[in-house]
Amino acid sequence: MARTETADVQDAVAALYREHRMALLRLAIFLTDDRATAEELVQDAFAALQRR
């Protein structure tokens, strides 16, 4: 069974998330001075990327 393009994109976004999440979270915490807000921003950014 061939993989779909959508599955490939989801895998790529998941890999980006695993690789860059902590660095982006540290940056977002620095910018917002609030961990909960920073976590939400990072999640929202990756969710938006996956929707594209």
PDB file of N, CA and C in Angstrom:
ATOM      1  N   MET A   1       0.846  -1.184   0.000  1.00  0.00           N
ATOM      2  CA  MET A   1       0.000   0.000   0.000  1.00  0.00           C
ATOM      3  C   MET A   1       0.890   1.246   0.000  1.00  0.00           C
ATOM      4  N   ALA A   2       0.650   2.148  -0.930  1.00  0.00           N
ATOM      5  CA  ALA A   2       1.460   3.357  -1.060  1.00  0.00           C
ATOM      6  C   ALA A   2       1.064   4.383  -0.013  1.00  0.00           C
ATOM      7  N   ARG A   3       2.063   5.071   0.479  1.00  0.00           N
ATOM      8  CA  ARG A   3       1.800   6.146   1.441  1.00  0.00           C
ATOM      9  C   ARG A   3       1.207   7.335   0.698  1.00  0.00           C
ATOM     10  N   THR A   4       0.335   8.020   1.366  1.00  0.00           N
ATOM     11  CA  THR A   4      -0.259   9.196   0.746  1.00  0.00           C
ATOM     12  C   THR A   4       0.615  10.412   1.000  1.00  0.00           C
ATOM     13  N   GLU A   5       0.433  11.419   0.193  1.00  0.00           N
ATOM     14  CA  GLU A   5       1.172  12.668   0.377  1.00  0.00           C
ATOM     15  C   GLU A   5       0.841  13.281   1.737  1.00  0.00           C
ATOM     16  N   THR A   6      -0.407  13.177   2.154  1.00  0.00           N
ATOM     17  CA  THR A   6      -0.826  13.717   3.447  1.00  0.00           C
ATOM     18  C   THR A   6      -0.066  13.040   4.587  1.00  0.00           C
ATOM     19  N   ALA A   7       0.079  11.744   4.525  1.00  0.00           N
ATOM     20  CA  ALA A   7       0.814  11.020   5.563  1.00  0.00           C
ATOM     21  C   ALA A   7       2.279  11.439   5.570  1.00  0.00           C
ATOM     22  N   ASP A   8       2.855  11.643   4.394  1.00  0.00           N
ATOM     23  CA  ASP A   8       4.245  12.087   4.312  1.00  0.00           C
ATOM     24  C   ASP A   8       4.405  13.469   4.940  1.00  0.00           C
ATOM     25  N   VAL A   9       3.471  14.364   4.682  1.00  0.00           N
ATOM     26  CA  VAL A   9       3.523  15.710   5.254  1.00  0.00           C
ATOM     27  C   VAL A   9       3.370  15.637   6.768  1.00  0.00           C
ATOM     28  N   GLN A  10       2.453  14.825   7.236  1.00  0.00           N
ATOM     29  CA  GLN A  10       2.265  14.675   8.686  1.00  0.00           C
ATOM     30  C   GLN A  10       3.527  14.140   9.348  1.00  0.00           C
ATOM     31  N   ASP A  11       4.175  13.178   8.713  1.00  0.00           N
ATOM     32  CA  ASP A  11       5.427  12.638   9.243  1.00  0.00           C
ATOM     33  C   ASP A  11       6.517  13.709   9.270  1.00  0.00           C
ATOM     34  N   ALA A  12       6.580  14.514   8.229  1.00  0.00           N
ATOM     35  CA  ALA A  12       7.589  15.574   8.167  1.00  0.00           C
ATOM     36  C   ALA A  12       7.356  16.620   9.253  1.00  0.00           C
ATOM     37  N   VAL A  13       6.109  17.010   9.458  1.00  0.00           N
ATOM     38  CA  VAL A  13       5.789  17.984  10.508  1.00  0.00           C
ATOM     39  C   VAL A  13       6.094  17.386  11.878  1.00  0.00           C
ATOM     40  N   ALA A  14       5.782  16.133  12.075  1.00  0.00           N
ATOM     41  CA  ALA A  14       6.081  15.469  13.353  1.00  0.00           C
ATOM     42  C   ALA A  14       7.589  15.443  13.606  1.00  0.00           C
ATOM     43  N   ALA A  15       8.370  15.180  12.570  1.00  0.00           N
ATOM     44  CA  ALA A  15       9.826  15.171  12.717  1.00  0.00           C
ATOM     45  C   ALA A  15      10.343  16.567  13.053  1.00  0.00           C
ATOM     46  N   LEU A  16       9.821  17.577  12.377  1.00  0.00           N
ATOM     47  CA  LEU A  16      10.203  18.960  12.684  1.00  0.00           C
ATOM     48  C   LEU A  16       9.853  19.309  14.123  1.00  0.00           C
ATOM     49  N   TYR A  17       8.679  18.885  14.554  1.00  0.00           N
ATOM     50  CA  TYR A  17       8.231  19.154  15.915  1.00  0.00           C
ATOM     51  C   TYR A  17       9.188  18.525  16.929  1.00  0.00           C
ATOM     52  N   ARG A  18       9.509  17.250  16.725  1.00  0.00           N
ATOM     53  CA  ARG A  18      10.415  16.567  17.658  1.00  0.00           C
ATOM     54  C   ARG A  18      11.791  17.237  17.688  1.00  0.00           C
ATOM     55  N   GLU A  19      12.252  17.668  16.531  1.00  0.00           N
ATOM     56  CA  GLU A  19      13.597  18.227  16.446  1.00  0.00           C
ATOM     57  C   GLU A  19      13.696  19.654  16.989  1.00  0.00           C
ATOM     58  N   HIS A  20      12.648  20.451  16.809  1.00  0.00           N
ATOM     59  CA  HIS A  20      12.756  21.885  17.110  1.00  0.00           C
ATOM     60  C   HIS A  20      11.872  22.374  18.257  1.00  0.00           C
ATOM     61  N   ARG A  21      11.050  21.498  18.812  1.00  0.00           N
ATOM     62  CA  ARG A  21      10.092  21.915  19.832  1.00  0.00           C
ATOM     63  C   ARG A  21      10.752  22.625  21.012  1.00  0.00           C
ATOM     64  N   MET A  22      11.784  22.040  21.577  1.00  0.00           N
ATOM     65  CA  MET A  22      12.384  22.614  22.779  1.00  0.00           C
ATOM     66  C   MET A  22      13.023  23.977  22.508  1.00  0.00           C
ATOM     67  N   ALA A  23      13.702  24.117  21.397  1.00  0.00           N
ATOM     68  CA  ALA A  23      14.319  25.405  21.076  1.00  0.00           C
ATOM     69  C   ALA A  23      13.241  26.469  20.876  1.00  0.00           C
ATOM     70  N   LEU A  24      12.169  26.101  20.179  1.00  0.00           N
ATOM     71  CA  LEU A  24      11.076  27.059  19.970  1.00  0.00           C
ATOM     72  C   LEU A  24      10.359  27.367  21.275  1.00  0.00           C
ATOM     73  N   LEU A  25      10.230  26.362  22.130  1.00  0.00           N
ATOM     74  CA  LEU A  25       9.590  26.590  23.426  1.00  0.00           C
ATOM     75  C   LEU A  25      10.433  27.538  24.279  1.00  0.00           C
ATOM     76  N   ARG A  26      11.737  27.344  24.298  1.00  0.00           N
ATOM     77  CA  ARG A  26      12.610  28.261  25.060  1.00  0.00           C
ATOM     78  C   ARG A  26      12.485  29.694  24.534  1.00  0.00           C
ATOM     79  N   LEU A  27      12.469  29.841  23.213  1.00  0.00           N
ATOM     80  CA  LEU A  27      12.311  31.171  22.625  1.00  0.00           C
ATOM     81  C   LEU A  27      10.965  31.776  23.008  1.00  0.00           C
ATOM     82  N   ALA A  28       9.911  30.985  22.907  1.00  0.00           N
ATOM     83  CA  ALA A  28       8.572  31.488  23.234  1.00  0.00           C
ATOM     84  C   ALA A  28       8.469  31.856  24.709  1.00  0.00           C
ATOM     85  N   ILE A  29       9.100  31.083  25.593  1.00  0.00           N
ATOM     86  CA  ILE A  29       9.101  31.425  27.020  1.00  0.00           C
ATOM     87  C   ILE A  29       9.849  32.735  27.230  1.00  0.00           C
ATOM     88  N   PHE A  30      10.966  32.896  26.557  1.00  0.00           N
ATOM     89  CA  PHE A  30      11.731  34.137  26.652  1.00  0.00           C
ATOM     90  C   PHE A  30      10.888  35.336  26.209  1.00  0.00           C
ATOM     91  N   LEU A  31      10.141  35.161  25.119  1.00  0.00           N
ATOM     92  CA  LEU A  31       9.350  36.268  24.572  1.00  0.00           C
ATOM     93  C   LEU A  31       8.086  36.562  25.382  1.00  0.00           C
ATOM     94  N   THR A  32       7.467  35.526  25.944  1.00  0.00           N
ATOM     95  CA  THR A  32       6.193  35.723  26.639  1.00  0.00           C
ATOM     96  C   THR A  32       6.330  35.759  28.156  1.00  0.00           C
ATOM     97  N   ASP A  33       7.423  35.216  28.665  1.00  0.00           N
ATOM     98  CA  ASP A  33       7.651  35.094  30.106  1.00  0.00           C
ATOM     99  C   ASP A  33       6.536  34.294  30.787  1.00  0.00           C
ATOM    100  N   ASP A  34       5.956  33.349  30.033  1.00  0.00           N
ATOM    101  CA  ASP A  34       4.884  32.507  30.569  1.00  0.00           C
ATOM    102  C   ASP A  34       4.922  31.154  29.874  1.00  0.00           C
ATOM    103  N   ARG A  35       5.215  30.107  30.631  1.00  0.00           N
ATOM    104  CA  ARG A  35       5.390  28.780  30.021  1.00  0.00           C
ATOM    105  C   ARG A  35       4.112  28.272  29.352  1.00  0.00           C
ATOM    106  N   ALA A  36       2.967  28.443  29.998  1.00  0.00           N
ATOM    107  CA  ALA A  36       1.712  27.935  29.425  1.00  0.00           C
ATOM    108  C   ALA A  36       1.411  28.609  28.095  1.00  0.00           C
ATOM    109  N   THR A  37       1.581  29.909  28.045  1.00  0.00           N
ATOM    110  CA  THR A  37       1.353  30.646  26.802  1.00  0.00           C
ATOM    111  C   THR A  37       2.356  30.214  25.740  1.00  0.00           C
ATOM    112  N   ALA A  38       3.595  30.040  26.141  1.00  0.00           N
ATOM    113  CA  ALA A  38       4.639  29.623  25.210  1.00  0.00           C
ATOM    114  C   ALA A  38       4.326  28.249  24.620  1.00  0.00           C
ATOM    115  N   GLU A  39       3.908  27.316  25.460  1.00  0.00           N
ATOM    116  CA  GLU A  39       3.566  25.987  24.968  1.00  0.00           C
ATOM    117  C   GLU A  39       2.408  26.048  23.971  1.00  0.00           C
ATOM    118  N   GLU A  40       1.430  26.871  24.282  1.00  0.00           N
ATOM    119  CA  GLU A  40       0.280  27.021  23.380  1.00  0.00           C
ATOM    120  C   GLU A  40       0.710  27.616  22.039  1.00  0.00           C
ATOM    121  N   LEU A  41       1.581  28.605  22.084  1.00  0.00           N
ATOM    122  CA  LEU A  41       2.068  29.225  20.845  1.00  0.00           C
ATOM    123  C   LEU A  41       2.811  28.225  19.969  1.00  0.00           C
ATOM    124  N   VAL A  42       3.666  27.423  20.571  1.00  0.00           N
ATOM    125  CA  VAL A  42       4.421  26.435  19.805  1.00  0.00           C
ATOM    126  C   VAL A  42       3.471  25.398  19.212  1.00  0.00           C
ATOM    127  N   GLN A  43       2.530  24.920  20.013  1.00  0.00           N
ATOM    128  CA  GLN A  43       1.543  23.954  19.509  1.00  0.00           C
ATOM    129  C   GLN A  43       0.740  24.555  18.356  1.00  0.00           C
ATOM    130  N   ASP A  44       0.292  25.791  18.530  1.00  0.00           N
ATOM    131  CA  ASP A  44      -0.494  26.457  17.487  1.00  0.00           C
ATOM    132  C   ASP A  44       0.303  26.625  16.195  1.00  0.00           C
ATOM    133  N   ALA A  45       1.576  26.948  16.331  1.00  0.00           N
ATOM    134  CA  ALA A  45       2.416  27.127  15.147  1.00  0.00           C
ATOM    135  C   ALA A  45       2.547  25.819  14.364  1.00  0.00           C
ATOM    136  N   PHE A  46       2.768  24.723  15.059  1.00  0.00           N
ATOM    137  CA  PHE A  46       2.899  23.441  14.371  1.00  0.00           C
ATOM    138  C   PHE A  46       1.554  22.943  13.837  1.00  0.00           C
ATOM    139  N   ALA A  47       0.476  23.241  14.542  1.00  0.00           N
ATOM    140  CA  ALA A  47      -0.848  22.868  14.035  1.00  0.00           C
ATOM    141  C   ALA A  47      -1.145  23.624  12.743  1.00  0.00           C
ATOM    142  N   ALA A  48      -0.792  24.903  12.710  1.00  0.00           N
ATOM    143  CA  ALA A  48      -1.012  25.705  11.505  1.00  0.00           C
ATOM    144  C   ALA A  48      -0.156  25.180  10.353  1.00  0.00           C
ATOM    145  N   LEU A  49       1.077  24.789  10.663  1.00  0.00           N
ATOM    146  CA  LEU A  49       1.958  24.239   9.639  1.00  0.00           C
ATOM    147  C   LEU A  49       1.375  22.944   9.058  1.00  0.00           C
ATOM    148  N   GLN A  50       0.835  22.117   9.924  1.00  0.00           N
ATOM    149  CA  GLN A  50       0.277  20.848   9.457  1.00  0.00           C
ATOM    150  C   GLN A  50      -0.985  21.056   8.615  1.00  0.00           C
ATOM    151  N   ARG A  51      -1.754  22.089   8.909  1.00  0.00           N
ATOM    152  CA  ARG A  51      -2.956  22.371   8.128  1.00  0.00           C
ATOM    153  C   ARG A  51      -2.633  22.846   6.723  1.00  0.00           C
ATOM    154  N   ARG A  52      -1.483  23.448   6.527  1.00  0.00           N
ATOM    155  CA  ARG A  52      -1.108  23.989   5.213  1.00  0.00           C
ATOM    156  C   ARG A  52      -0.770  22.888   4.329  1.00  0.00           C
TER     157      ARG A  52
END
